[in-house]
Amino acid sequence: MALVKVAEAAELSPGQCRVVSVGSRELALFNVGGEFYCLNNECPHQDGPLGEGDLEEDVVICPWHAWQVNVRTGEVLYMPGLCVRTHPCLVEDGAVFVEI
């Protein structure tokens, strides 16, 4: 596992999300009340871009078909056991790092 810088913390205000790239991978980065969370950027329904969804508290709503995913755990709401892969985040010296 390696830590990879994906953003400056100041670039993503609380309640915002965005797509970040690490090599050929696309990840979804979220700021929930100043804490950062990261998921694979693929909704398990039809691979919708979670990083382009709406973030409501700690739940992202996929922009394609409104599937809801908890960004802290990766769990798909209303479908226990179905999860999106999470990646631990670390904020250091104002930068956001993701464990890959």
Protein backbone atom coordinates (compact mmCIF):
# COMPACT_ATOMS: atom_id res chain seq x y z
CA MET A 1 0.00 0.00 0.00
CA ALA A 2 1.15 3.50 -0.78
CA LEU A 3 -0.04 6.99 0.14
CA VAL A 4 -0.67 9.19 -2.90
CA LYS A 5 -1.39 12.92 -2.81
CA VAL A 6 -4.70 13.59 -4.55
CA ALA A 7 -5.61 17.17 -3.57
CA GLU A 8 -5.00 20.15 -1.35
CA ALA A 9 -7.47 20.08 1.55
CA ALA A 10 -8.43 23.72 0.91
CA GLU A 11 -9.64 22.81 -2.60
CA LEU A 12 -12.56 20.78 -1.25
CA SER A 13 -14.91 22.49 1.19
CA PRO A 14 -17.10 20.51 3.61
CA GLY A 15 -20.03 19.01 1.73
CA GLN A 16 -18.19 18.83 -1.58
CA CYS A 17 -16.95 15.91 -3.62
CA ARG A 18 -14.87 15.49 -6.74
CA VAL A 19 -13.21 12.96 -8.99
CA VAL A 20 -9.45 12.52 -8.58
CA SER A 21 -7.08 10.39 -10.65
CA VAL A 22 -4.34 8.13 -9.37
CA GLY A 23 -2.53 6.66 -12.34
CA SER A 24 -5.23 5.10 -14.50
CA ARG A 25 -7.72 4.86 -11.59
CA GLU A 26 -10.54 7.30 -10.93
CA LEU A 27 -11.49 7.81 -7.29
CA ALA A 28 -14.21 9.86 -5.61
CA LEU A 29 -13.01 12.17 -2.82
CA PHE A 30 -15.42 13.60 -0.24
CA ASN A 31 -15.18 16.20 2.51
CA VAL A 32 -17.65 15.44 5.30
CA GLY A 33 -17.42 18.10 7.98
CA GLY A 34 -13.67 18.51 7.47
CA GLU A 35 -12.96 14.76 7.36
CA PHE A 36 -11.92 13.25 4.04
CA TYR A 37 -13.17 9.96 2.61
CA CYS A 38 -12.41 8.22 -0.66
CA LEU A 39 -14.22 5.56 -2.68
CA ASN A 40 -13.74 3.94 -6.05
CA ASN A 41 -15.52 6.24 -8.49
CA GLU A 42 -17.95 3.56 -9.70
CA CYS A 43 -21.47 3.06 -8.45
CA PRO A 44 -22.17 -0.68 -8.20
CA HIS A 45 -25.40 -0.24 -10.17
CA GLN A 46 -24.06 0.78 -13.60
CA ASP A 47 -20.65 2.31 -12.82
CA GLY A 48 -22.00 5.86 -12.44
CA PRO A 49 -19.44 8.50 -11.37
CA LEU A 50 -19.94 8.85 -7.61
CA GLY A 51 -17.55 11.80 -7.43
CA GLU A 52 -19.99 13.80 -9.55
CA GLY A 53 -22.93 13.05 -7.27
CA ASP A 54 -24.58 15.12 -4.58
CA LEU A 55 -23.21 14.73 -1.05
CA GLU A 56 -25.81 14.88 1.73
CA GLU A 57 -24.11 14.56 5.12
CA ASP A 58 -22.12 11.30 4.69
CA VAL A 59 -24.14 9.88 1.78
CA VAL A 60 -23.38 10.42 -1.89
CA ILE A 61 -26.22 10.12 -4.39
CA CYS A 62 -25.12 8.72 -7.74
CA PRO A 63 -25.95 11.21 -10.50
CA TRP A 64 -27.09 8.49 -12.90
CA HIS A 65 -29.78 6.56 -11.01
CA ALA A 66 -29.79 8.02 -7.47
CA TRP A 67 -28.27 5.03 -5.71
CA GLN A 68 -27.07 6.12 -2.29
CA VAL A 69 -23.68 5.16 -0.82
CA ASN A 70 -22.30 5.94 2.64
CA VAL A 71 -18.90 7.52 1.96
CA ARG A 72 -17.52 6.52 5.38
CA THR A 73 -18.17 2.79 4.93
CA GLY A 74 -18.81 2.32 1.21
CA GLU A 75 -22.09 0.57 2.01
CA VAL A 76 -24.95 0.96 -0.45
CA LEU A 77 -28.02 2.11 1.46
CA TYR A 78 -30.98 -0.25 1.35
CA MET A 79 -28.76 -3.11 0.08
CA PRO A 80 -26.88 -4.52 3.08
CA GLY A 81 -23.67 -6.27 2.12
CA LEU A 82 -23.21 -4.41 -1.18
CA CYS A 83 -20.27 -2.02 -0.88
CA VAL A 84 -18.02 0.27 -2.88
CA ARG A 85 -14.33 -0.07 -2.08
CA THR A 86 -13.05 2.57 0.33
CA HIS A 87 -9.54 4.02 0.54
CA PRO A 88 -8.21 5.50 3.80
CA CYS A 89 -7.34 9.19 3.71
CA LEU A 90 -4.71 11.20 5.57
CA VAL A 91 -4.41 14.98 5.71
CA GLU A 92 -0.88 16.22 6.28
CA ASP A 93 0.51 19.74 5.83
CA GLY A 94 -2.70 20.79 4.06
CA ALA A 95 -2.56 17.96 1.51
CA VAL A 96 -4.96 15.01 1.18
CA PHE A 97 -3.34 11.63 0.68
CA VAL A 98 -5.18 8.41 -0.22
CA GLU A 99 -3.96 4.92 0.55
CA ILE A 100 -3.82 2.84 -2.62
